[in-house]
Amino acid sequence: MEKIAIIGLSCLFPDANNPEQFWQNLTAAKDSTSSVTVEEMGVEPAIFYDPVKGKPEKIYFLQGGFIRNFKFDASEYNLPVEFLESLDNTFKWSLYAAKQAIVQSGYWGNRNVLSKCGVILGALSLPTKLSNQLVAPIYRRTIDPAIAELLQDKDFHLSALPTTTKASIYNAMVCGFPAALVAQALSLSSTHFCIDAACSSSFYAIKMASHYLWTGKADLMLAGAISCSDPLFLRMFFSGIQGYPENGVSCPLDKASRGLITSEGIGMVVLKRYSDAIRDGDKILATICGNGLSNDGKGKHFLSPNSKGQTLAFERAYQEAQLSPKAIDYMECHATGTLLGDTTEFNSIETFFGQHQASPLIGSTKANVGHLLVAAGIVSLAKAILSMSGDVIPPTINVNEPLGSENNVISSENIVRTPTAWPNATTKHAALSAFGFGGTNSHLIIEQTKEG
């Protein structure tokens, strides 16, 4: 398969509205997570908070990664301002990230090229603030009579949710519509859709986008993923499945970590066939060499990863890249901060990389911004590209008791805990893992060659 060039990158991550701000935060070893606010939750968080795990209708963890101080300019897009203003952040963030990625690629305003550009986004069909606003009246009509009967009060009515914006009915199409909206607003091609491969969605989207390029069905592709669910719903969900740390400690690659921190944001890349990018003189940020996917189903339960499936994704990536694992200088782990998940990932690395006598440096940016769920992979990709370009690997923060694999294929020395010069100055290779619950596994390999 021909390599795929990455010629544009955009992001909207906690504390970072663009790649430059994200890189500044990484090099400053900044923790961009914080407590959820009343504005984000839509209600005072203390109403639902209880530090004891397992209580129904309660959340036991308030930390998260949030998009704040973001201003959306609806006039920048090829659709009515009033319509765009009636949309949820899911759609506004998608438009923003798509435009910024295309601008960086150098093709903004080039109608001929953009007319042959498709867009594939990873997205979850979880409720958002405005989709909740749309369905709330249906809940009220169903529940009002039941409660009135229980209370024997025929005049009982639940109060309506306070609203400041009239929500467009398009907000109900949480999962499918973002990609279509981007294509329409930016005059892209008719190739546009969203996919859900859980936390591997970014790399699944990139893989599918690559196929459109390989088969000649598109000449340019936008690929990425978005995490923008209603904060209250998300905290109820992850409190229910007990994914948050009951001891309050979430620090990937550390023995004390007992859970993850959910976060929101979006990232996108512009992709092009490598030969075309060279021909057209595009600035190539990095090149995708291999992208291994597997879907093995759950392990012992829904949140229990399967090491065999992860190892299979490794095998497929290096087979596609025709590259030895020993060539990898640095690997950005999925490493969510759950003890089971991180330990399983280390066992997978031990199995596969150990048999190839490979022992790359490793780290995880989830320590900086939390876990962006479906968009987790694109955060790792952004970090890897920026690290290659900056010739330095930023530290993984908050690691005091580093994990290690059984036979020391990965030891505490492999975890990048201080700013580290990139090991190979000429041709750099990075590997990125994204593993989703339910057994969607992905492993992406990228390279960057220094010009001149």
Protein backbone atom coordinates (compact mmCIF):
# COMPACT_ATOMS: atom_id res chain seq x y z
CA MET A 1 0.00 0.00 0.00
CA GLU A 2 1.19 3.50 -0.76
CA LYS A 3 2.02 5.60 2.27
CA ILE A 4 -0.43 8.31 3.26
CA ALA A 5 0.81 11.85 3.88
CA ILE A 6 -0.58 13.98 6.70
CA ILE A 7 -0.59 17.54 5.36
CA GLY A 8 -2.93 19.27 7.82
CA LEU A 9 -3.63 19.04 11.56
CA SER A 10 -6.14 20.76 13.82
CA CYS A 11 -7.29 20.32 17.37
CA LEU A 12 -9.60 21.65 20.02
CA PHE A 13 -8.45 20.00 23.24
CA PRO A 14 -8.75 21.03 26.90
CA ASP A 15 -6.72 24.25 27.30
CA ALA A 16 -5.74 24.22 23.61
CA ASN A 17 -7.63 25.71 20.66
CA ASN A 18 -4.91 24.78 18.17
CA PRO A 19 -1.81 22.55 17.85
CA GLU A 20 0.53 25.37 18.90
CA GLN A 21 -1.24 25.80 22.25
CA PHE A 22 -1.37 22.02 22.73
CA TRP A 23 2.38 21.78 22.16
CA GLN A 24 3.03 24.59 24.64
CA ASN A 25 0.99 22.73 27.26
CA LEU A 26 2.81 19.46 26.60
CA THR A 27 6.27 20.99 26.87
CA ALA A 28 5.20 22.83 30.03
CA ALA A 29 4.06 19.47 31.51
CA LYS A 30 0.65 21.01 32.15
CA ASP A 31 -2.29 19.13 33.63
CA SER A 32 -5.29 20.50 31.72
CA THR A 33 -7.97 18.64 33.70
CA SER A 34 -10.15 20.34 36.31
CA SER A 35 -13.46 20.02 38.15
CA VAL A 36 -16.70 20.23 36.20
CA THR A 37 -18.59 23.50 36.64
CA VAL A 38 -22.26 24.42 36.99
CA GLU A 39 -22.18 25.88 33.48
CA GLU A 40 -20.88 22.63 31.97
CA MET A 41 -23.10 20.32 33.97
CA GLY A 42 -26.21 22.46 33.60
CA VAL A 43 -26.88 22.02 37.31
CA GLU A 44 -24.90 22.34 40.52
CA PRO A 45 -22.55 19.27 40.51
CA ALA A 46 -22.86 18.89 44.29
CA ILE A 47 -26.50 17.83 43.85
CA PHE A 48 -25.40 14.59 42.22
CA TYR A 49 -21.99 14.13 43.86
CA ASP A 50 -21.30 11.43 46.41
CA PRO A 51 -17.71 10.26 46.96
CA VAL A 52 -18.85 6.70 47.70
CA LYS A 53 -18.72 4.60 44.54
CA GLY A 54 -21.75 2.59 43.47
CA LYS A 55 -24.65 4.73 44.68
CA PRO A 56 -27.51 4.92 42.14
CA GLU A 57 -28.14 8.25 40.42
CA LYS A 58 -24.92 9.65 41.85
CA ILE A 59 -21.51 10.58 40.45
CA TYR A 60 -18.41 10.00 42.56
CA PHE A 61 -15.80 11.86 40.48
CA LEU A 62 -15.86 15.49 39.32
CA GLN A 63 -12.60 15.85 37.37
CA GLY A 64 -12.59 16.10 33.59
CA GLY A 65 -11.09 17.79 30.57
CA PHE A 66 -13.24 20.59 29.17
CA ILE A 67 -13.33 22.97 26.21
CA ARG A 68 -13.52 26.48 27.64
CA ASN A 69 -13.09 29.98 26.22
CA PHE A 70 -13.97 28.80 22.72
CA LYS A 71 -15.82 31.26 20.48
CA PHE A 72 -17.57 30.07 17.35
CA ASP A 73 -17.91 32.44 14.40
CA ALA A 74 -20.88 31.19 12.37
CA SER A 75 -20.21 33.73 9.62
CA GLU A 76 -17.11 31.79 8.49
CA TYR A 77 -19.15 28.99 6.96
CA ASN A 78 -21.27 28.53 3.88
CA LEU A 79 -24.58 28.10 5.78
CA PRO A 80 -27.10 30.45 7.44
CA VAL A 81 -25.76 31.96 10.68
CA GLU A 82 -29.04 31.47 12.53
CA PHE A 83 -29.07 27.77 11.66
CA LEU A 84 -25.48 27.20 12.80
CA GLU A 85 -26.08 29.07 16.05
CA SER A 86 -28.96 26.68 16.81
CA LEU A 87 -26.61 23.69 16.72
CA ASP A 88 -24.84 21.92 19.54
CA ASN A 89 -21.07 22.15 20.14
CA THR A 90 -20.76 18.75 18.45
CA PHE A 91 -21.40 20.48 15.14
CA LYS A 92 -19.68 23.79 15.88
CA TRP A 93 -16.46 22.07 16.96
CA SER A 94 -16.57 19.86 13.86
CA LEU A 95 -16.82 22.87 11.56
CA TYR A 96 -14.04 24.70 13.40
CA ALA A 97 -11.62 21.76 13.37
CA ALA A 98 -12.32 20.93 9.72
CA LYS A 99 -11.66 24.48 8.58
CA GLN A 100 -8.47 24.81 10.64
CA ALA A 101 -7.08 21.53 9.27
CA ILE A 102 -7.79 22.56 5.68
CA VAL A 103 -6.28 26.00 6.25
CA GLN A 104 -3.09 24.41 7.55
CA SER A 105 -2.97 22.08 4.55
CA GLY A 106 -2.86 25.10 2.24
CA TYR A 107 -6.02 24.18 0.34
CA TRP A 108 -8.51 26.57 1.95
CA GLY A 109 -10.32 28.35 -0.88
CA ASN A 110 -9.23 25.84 -3.53
CA ARG A 111 -12.67 24.74 -4.73
CA ASN A 112 -11.39 22.26 -7.27
CA VAL A 113 -9.34 20.32 -4.72
CA LEU A 114 -11.94 20.52 -1.94
CA SER A 115 -14.66 19.21 -4.24
CA LYS A 116 -12.74 15.91 -4.23
CA CYS A 117 -12.23 15.87 -0.46
CA GLY A 118 -14.21 13.50 1.76
CA VAL A 119 -14.67 13.52 5.53
CA ILE A 120 -14.90 10.64 8.01
CA LEU A 121 -15.40 11.34 11.71
CA GLY A 122 -15.46 9.11 14.74
CA ALA A 123 -18.47 10.03 16.90
CA LEU A 124 -20.54 8.53 19.70
CA SER A 125 -24.32 8.65 19.62
CA LEU A 126 -24.50 9.68 23.26
CA PRO A 127 -26.82 12.52 24.31
CA THR A 128 -25.62 16.11 24.08
CA LYS A 129 -27.04 19.17 25.82
CA LEU A 130 -29.24 20.19 22.91
CA SER A 131 -30.33 16.67 21.97
CA ASN A 132 -31.50 16.34 25.58
CA GLN A 133 -33.42 19.60 25.18
CA LEU A 134 -35.22 18.15 22.18
CA VAL A 135 -36.31 14.93 23.89
CA ALA A 136 -37.11 16.43 27.32
CA PRO A 137 -40.74 17.24 26.34
CA ILE A 138 -41.26 13.59 25.37
CA TYR A 139 -40.00 12.47 28.79
CA ARG A 140 -42.32 14.97 30.49
CA ARG A 141 -45.39 13.79 28.57
CA THR A 142 -44.60 10.20 29.57
CA ILE A 143 -43.67 10.75 33.20
CA ASP A 144 -46.09 13.54 34.23
CA PRO A 145 -49.23 11.37 34.31
CA ALA A 146 -47.46 8.57 36.18
CA ILE A 147 -46.18 10.86 38.94
CA ALA A 148 -49.50 12.72 39.13
CA GLU A 149 -51.25 9.38 39.68
CA LEU A 150 -48.77 8.33 42.37
CA LEU A 151 -49.19 11.66 44.16
CA GLN A 152 -52.94 11.68 43.54
CA ASP A 153 -52.53 15.22 42.26
CA LYS A 154 -54.10 15.71 38.84
CA ASP A 155 -52.54 19.17 38.53
CA PHE A 156 -48.94 17.97 38.99
CA HIS A 157 -46.50 18.85 36.19
CA LEU A 158 -42.73 18.60 35.99
CA SER A 159 -41.08 21.94 35.35
CA ALA A 160 -39.59 22.50 31.92
CA LEU A 161 -35.84 22.67 31.40
CA PRO A 162 -34.55 26.25 31.16
CA THR A 163 -33.42 27.05 27.62
CA THR A 164 -31.49 29.98 26.18
CA THR A 165 -31.33 28.73 22.58
CA LYS A 166 -34.02 27.20 20.44
CA ALA A 167 -32.50 23.90 19.46
CA SER A 168 -32.63 22.86 15.82
CA ILE A 169 -34.12 19.43 15.16
CA TYR A 170 -30.79 18.55 13.53
CA ASN A 171 -29.34 18.27 17.04
CA ALA A 172 -31.12 14.93 17.32
CA MET A 173 -28.73 13.47 14.72
CA VAL A 174 -25.77 13.39 17.07
CA CYS A 175 -23.73 10.69 15.37
CA GLY A 176 -24.36 10.93 11.64
CA PHE A 177 -24.82 14.60 10.91
CA PRO A 178 -21.46 16.21 11.89
CA ALA A 179 -19.60 14.87 8.83
CA ALA A 180 -22.46 15.78 6.50
CA LEU A 181 -22.59 19.29 7.92
CA VAL A 182 -18.84 19.75 7.43
CA ALA A 183 -19.09 18.59 3.83
CA GLN A 184 -22.00 20.93 3.14
CA ALA A 185 -20.55 23.97 4.91
CA LEU A 186 -17.11 23.64 3.29
CA SER A 187 -18.29 22.47 -0.18
CA LEU A 188 -16.58 19.09 0.06
CA SER A 189 -17.44 15.91 -1.85
CA SER A 190 -20.39 13.57 -1.24
CA THR A 191 -18.12 11.16 0.66
CA HIS A 192 -18.96 11.87 4.28
CA PHE A 193 -20.01 9.75 7.23
CA CYS A 194 -19.40 9.10 10.92
CA ILE A 195 -18.33 5.84 12.53
CA ASP A 196 -18.25 4.48 16.06
CA ALA A 197 -15.34 2.21 16.91
CA ALA A 198 -15.27 3.31 20.54
CA CYS A 199 -11.88 4.65 21.65
CA SER A 200 -10.25 3.41 18.42
CA SER A 201 -12.50 5.58 16.24
CA SER A 202 -9.78 8.05 15.20
CA PHE A 203 -7.58 5.36 13.67
CA TYR A 204 -10.52 3.49 12.16
CA ALA A 205 -11.55 6.75 10.48
CA ILE A 206 -8.00 7.25 9.21
CA LYS A 207 -7.90 3.69 7.89
CA MET A 208 -11.16 4.12 5.99
CA ALA A 209 -10.04 7.50 4.68
CA SER A 210 -6.83 5.87 3.47
CA HIS A 211 -8.86 3.31 1.51
CA TYR A 212 -10.73 6.10 -0.28
CA LEU A 213 -7.36 7.56 -1.27
CA TRP A 214 -5.84 4.21 -2.30
CA THR A 215 -8.81 3.37 -4.51
CA GLY A 216 -8.87 6.80 -6.16
CA LYS A 217 -12.39 7.58 -4.88
CA ALA A 218 -11.00 10.73 -3.28
CA ASP A 219 -7.90 12.88 -3.74
CA LEU A 220 -8.02 14.43 -0.28
CA MET A 221 -9.60 13.24 2.97
CA LEU A 222 -10.42 14.77 6.32
CA ALA A 223 -10.35 12.25 9.16
CA GLY A 224 -10.66 12.58 12.91
CA ALA A 225 -12.99 12.16 15.85
CA ILE A 226 -15.03 14.18 18.32
CA SER A 227 -15.96 13.75 21.98
CA CYS A 228 -18.81 16.08 22.97
CA SER A 229 -21.37 14.30 25.14
CA ASP A 230 -23.56 15.86 27.81
CA PRO A 231 -21.30 16.13 30.90
CA LEU A 232 -23.97 15.00 33.37
CA PHE A 233 -24.94 11.97 31.28
CA LEU A 234 -21.28 11.05 30.74
CA ARG A 235 -20.50 11.21 34.46
CA MET A 236 -23.56 9.19 35.33
CA PHE A 237 -22.58 6.58 32.75
CA PHE A 238 -18.94 6.21 33.82
CA SER A 239 -19.91 6.31 37.50
CA GLY A 240 -22.38 3.54 36.74
CA ILE A 241 -19.78 1.30 35.12
CA GLN A 242 -17.26 2.41 37.78
CA GLY A 243 -14.67 3.63 35.30
CA TYR A 244 -13.56 6.58 37.43
CA PRO A 245 -10.91 6.15 40.15
CA GLU A 246 -12.52 5.62 43.56
CA ASN A 247 -9.29 6.79 45.22
CA GLY A 248 -9.34 9.98 43.13
CA VAL A 249 -6.03 9.07 41.45
CA SER A 250 -5.87 8.88 37.64
CA CYS A 251 -2.33 8.87 36.34
CA PRO A 252 -1.66 6.59 33.34
CA LEU A 253 1.39 4.28 33.58
CA ASP A 254 1.45 4.63 37.39
CA LYS A 255 0.81 1.76 39.80
CA ALA A 256 -1.44 3.93 42.01
CA SER A 257 -3.85 4.87 39.21
CA ARG A 258 -7.28 3.33 39.53
CA GLY A 259 -9.39 4.84 36.76
CA LEU A 260 -9.74 7.29 33.91
CA ILE A 261 -10.70 10.94 33.50
CA THR A 262 -13.27 11.58 30.74
CA SER A 263 -12.65 14.61 28.54
CA GLU A 264 -14.08 16.42 25.54
CA GLY A 265 -12.57 17.78 22.34
CA ILE A 266 -11.89 17.13 18.68
CA GLY A 267 -8.98 16.66 16.30
CA MET A 268 -8.67 16.23 12.54
CA VAL A 269 -6.00 15.55 9.95
CA VAL A 270 -5.92 16.18 6.20
CA LEU A 271 -4.70 13.10 4.31
CA LYS A 272 -3.33 12.72 0.80
CA ARG A 273 -1.59 10.03 -1.22
CA TYR A 274 2.13 10.38 -0.54
CA SER A 275 3.11 10.54 -4.21
CA ASP A 276 0.54 13.28 -4.84
CA ALA A 277 1.76 15.28 -1.85
CA ILE A 278 5.34 15.11 -3.16
CA ARG A 279 4.18 16.04 -6.66
CA ASP A 280 2.21 19.04 -5.42
CA GLY A 281 4.89 20.30 -3.04
CA ASP A 282 2.70 19.96 0.05
CA LYS A 283 4.21 20.36 3.49
CA ILE A 284 4.17 16.83 4.89
CA LEU A 285 3.82 16.82 8.67
CA ALA A 286 4.25 13.05 8.91
CA THR A 287 3.61 9.92 6.86
CA ILE A 288 1.38 7.00 7.81
CA CYS A 289 3.27 3.74 7.21
CA GLY A 290 0.92 1.21 8.75
CA ASN A 291 -2.44 1.01 10.48
CA GLY A 292 -3.35 -2.30 12.07
CA LEU A 293 -6.92 -2.95 13.22
CA SER A 294 -8.60 -5.86 14.97
CA ASN A 295 -11.94 -6.47 16.59
CA ASP A 296 -11.88 -9.38 19.00
CA GLY A 297 -14.95 -8.74 21.13
CA LYS A 298 -14.79 -8.21 24.86
CA GLY A 299 -12.49 -10.01 27.28
CA LYS A 300 -13.95 -11.22 30.57
CA HIS A 301 -16.46 -8.36 30.47
CA PHE A 302 -17.35 -5.12 28.64
CA LEU A 303 -14.40 -3.14 30.05
CA SER A 304 -11.92 -6.01 30.10
CA PRO A 305 -9.45 -5.78 27.20
CA ASN A 306 -8.14 -8.81 25.37
CA SER A 307 -4.36 -8.95 24.94
CA LYS A 308 -4.60 -11.25 21.91
CA GLY A 309 -6.62 -8.69 19.98
CA GLN A 310 -4.17 -5.93 20.82
CA THR A 311 -1.25 -8.08 19.70
CA LEU A 312 -3.05 -8.84 16.43
CA ALA A 313 -3.40 -5.11 15.74
CA PHE A 314 0.37 -4.76 16.31
CA GLU A 315 1.11 -7.59 13.88
CA ARG A 316 -1.09 -6.15 11.15
CA ALA A 317 0.37 -2.65 11.48
CA TYR A 318 4.00 -3.76 11.11
CA GLN A 319 3.12 -6.17 8.31
CA GLU A 320 1.43 -3.34 6.40
CA ALA A 321 4.33 -0.98 7.07
CA GLN A 322 6.94 -3.61 6.20
CA LEU A 323 8.84 -2.30 9.21
CA SER A 324 10.54 -3.93 12.17
CA PRO A 325 9.21 -2.95 15.62
CA LYS A 326 12.84 -2.22 16.50
CA ALA A 327 12.59 0.87 14.28
CA ILE A 328 10.08 2.51 16.65
CA ASP A 329 11.69 5.29 18.67
CA TYR A 330 8.66 6.19 20.74
CA MET A 331 5.23 4.68 21.39
CA GLU A 332 2.25 6.66 22.62
CA CYS A 333 0.27 4.13 24.64
CA HIS A 334 -3.50 4.04 24.98
CA ALA A 335 -2.92 3.95 28.77
CA THR A 336 -6.17 5.26 30.21
CA GLY A 337 -5.15 5.00 33.86
CA THR A 338 -7.15 1.88 34.79
CA LEU A 339 -4.93 -0.73 36.38
CA LEU A 340 -6.44 -3.60 34.35
CA GLY A 341 -6.26 -1.70 31.07
CA ASP A 342 -2.71 -0.42 31.50
CA THR A 343 -1.45 -3.79 32.74
CA THR A 344 -3.08 -5.62 29.81
CA GLU A 345 -1.52 -3.16 27.37
CA PHE A 346 1.91 -3.72 28.92
CA ASN A 347 1.42 -7.49 28.60
CA SER A 348 0.58 -7.02 24.90
CA ILE A 349 3.70 -4.94 24.40
CA GLU A 350 5.70 -7.57 26.27
CA THR A 351 4.37 -10.33 24.01
CA PHE A 352 4.81 -8.63 20.65
CA PHE A 353 7.73 -6.24 21.05
CA GLY A 354 9.62 -8.67 23.25
CA GLN A 355 9.75 -11.32 20.53
CA HIS A 356 11.26 -8.72 18.20
CA GLN A 357 13.81 -7.55 20.80
CA ALA A 358 12.26 -4.07 20.61
CA SER A 359 11.99 -1.76 23.59
CA PRO A 360 10.78 1.72 22.57
CA LEU A 361 10.35 4.73 24.78
CA ILE A 362 6.71 5.11 25.85
CA GLY A 363 4.32 7.67 27.27
CA SER A 364 0.68 8.79 27.42
CA THR A 365 -0.83 12.22 26.85
CA LYS A 366 -3.96 11.23 28.80
CA ALA A 367 -2.04 12.39 31.85
CA ASN A 368 -2.24 15.91 30.37
CA VAL A 369 -5.76 16.13 28.95
CA GLY A 370 -7.62 13.05 30.18
CA HIS A 371 -9.31 10.46 28.00
CA LEU A 372 -11.14 11.93 25.00
CA LEU A 373 -12.86 8.57 24.38
CA VAL A 374 -13.62 8.30 20.62
CA ALA A 375 -11.10 11.11 20.00
CA ALA A 376 -8.33 9.55 22.09
CA GLY A 377 -6.28 8.42 19.10
CA ILE A 378 -6.21 11.82 17.42
CA VAL A 379 -4.77 13.35 20.63
CA SER A 380 -1.95 10.81 20.54
CA LEU A 381 -1.37 11.49 16.85
CA ALA A 382 -1.20 15.25 17.42
CA LYS A 383 1.32 14.76 20.21
CA ALA A 384 3.49 12.45 18.10
CA ILE A 385 3.54 14.78 15.09
CA LEU A 386 4.37 17.81 17.22
CA SER A 387 7.05 15.87 19.11
CA MET A 388 8.71 14.79 15.89
CA SER A 389 8.68 18.34 14.55
CA GLY A 390 10.01 19.72 17.83
CA ASP A 391 12.75 17.06 18.14
CA VAL A 392 11.75 16.41 21.74
CA ILE A 393 9.41 13.97 23.49
CA PRO A 394 7.47 15.75 26.27
CA PRO A 395 7.22 14.02 29.64
CA THR A 396 4.34 11.86 30.78
CA ILE A 397 3.31 13.69 33.94
CA ASN A 398 2.24 12.50 37.40
CA VAL A 399 4.14 9.19 37.25
CA ASN A 400 5.57 8.43 40.70
CA GLU A 401 5.41 4.61 40.78
CA PRO A 402 5.93 3.59 37.15
CA LEU A 403 4.44 0.39 35.81
CA GLY A 404 6.68 -2.13 34.09
CA SER A 405 6.21 -5.35 32.16
CA GLU A 406 7.06 -8.72 33.66
CA ASN A 407 10.29 -9.33 31.74
CA ASN A 408 11.31 -5.67 31.56
CA VAL A 409 10.68 -5.27 27.83
CA ILE A 410 9.11 -2.11 29.15
CA SER A 411 10.75 -0.91 32.36
CA SER A 412 10.39 2.28 34.33
CA GLU A 413 13.32 3.60 32.28
CA ASN A 414 11.25 3.38 29.10
CA ILE A 415 8.61 5.80 30.37
CA VAL A 416 9.49 9.34 29.28
CA ARG A 417 9.24 11.34 32.53
CA THR A 418 11.48 14.27 31.58
CA PRO A 419 11.83 16.15 28.26
CA THR A 420 13.81 13.78 26.03
CA ALA A 421 15.55 14.48 22.73
CA TRP A 422 14.15 12.39 19.90
CA PRO A 423 16.43 9.32 19.62
CA ASN A 424 16.75 9.42 15.83
CA ALA A 425 17.44 12.80 14.25
CA THR A 426 17.08 11.75 10.60
CA THR A 427 14.10 9.44 10.17
CA LYS A 428 11.81 9.28 13.20
CA HIS A 429 9.27 6.51 13.77
CA ALA A 430 6.42 6.66 16.26
CA ALA A 431 3.73 4.10 17.10
CA LEU A 432 0.35 4.95 18.58
CA SER A 433 -2.15 2.60 20.20
CA ALA A 434 -5.88 3.11 20.69
CA PHE A 435 -7.93 0.32 22.24
CA GLY A 436 -11.70 0.58 22.57
CA PHE A 437 -14.03 -1.20 24.95
CA GLY A 438 -15.73 -4.14 23.34
CA GLY A 439 -12.50 -5.13 21.60
CA THR A 440 -11.88 -2.54 18.87
CA ASN A 441 -8.10 -2.33 18.65
CA SER A 442 -5.85 -0.12 16.53
CA HIS A 443 -2.14 0.58 16.18
CA LEU A 444 -0.85 3.36 13.91
CA ILE A 445 2.75 3.82 12.71
CA ILE A 446 3.98 7.17 11.44
CA GLU A 447 7.34 8.46 10.28
CA GLN A 448 8.94 11.81 9.64
CA THR A 449 12.08 12.36 7.62
CA LYS A 450 14.11 15.50 8.12
CA GLU A 451 14.46 17.44 4.90
CA GLY A 452 17.85 18.34 3.47
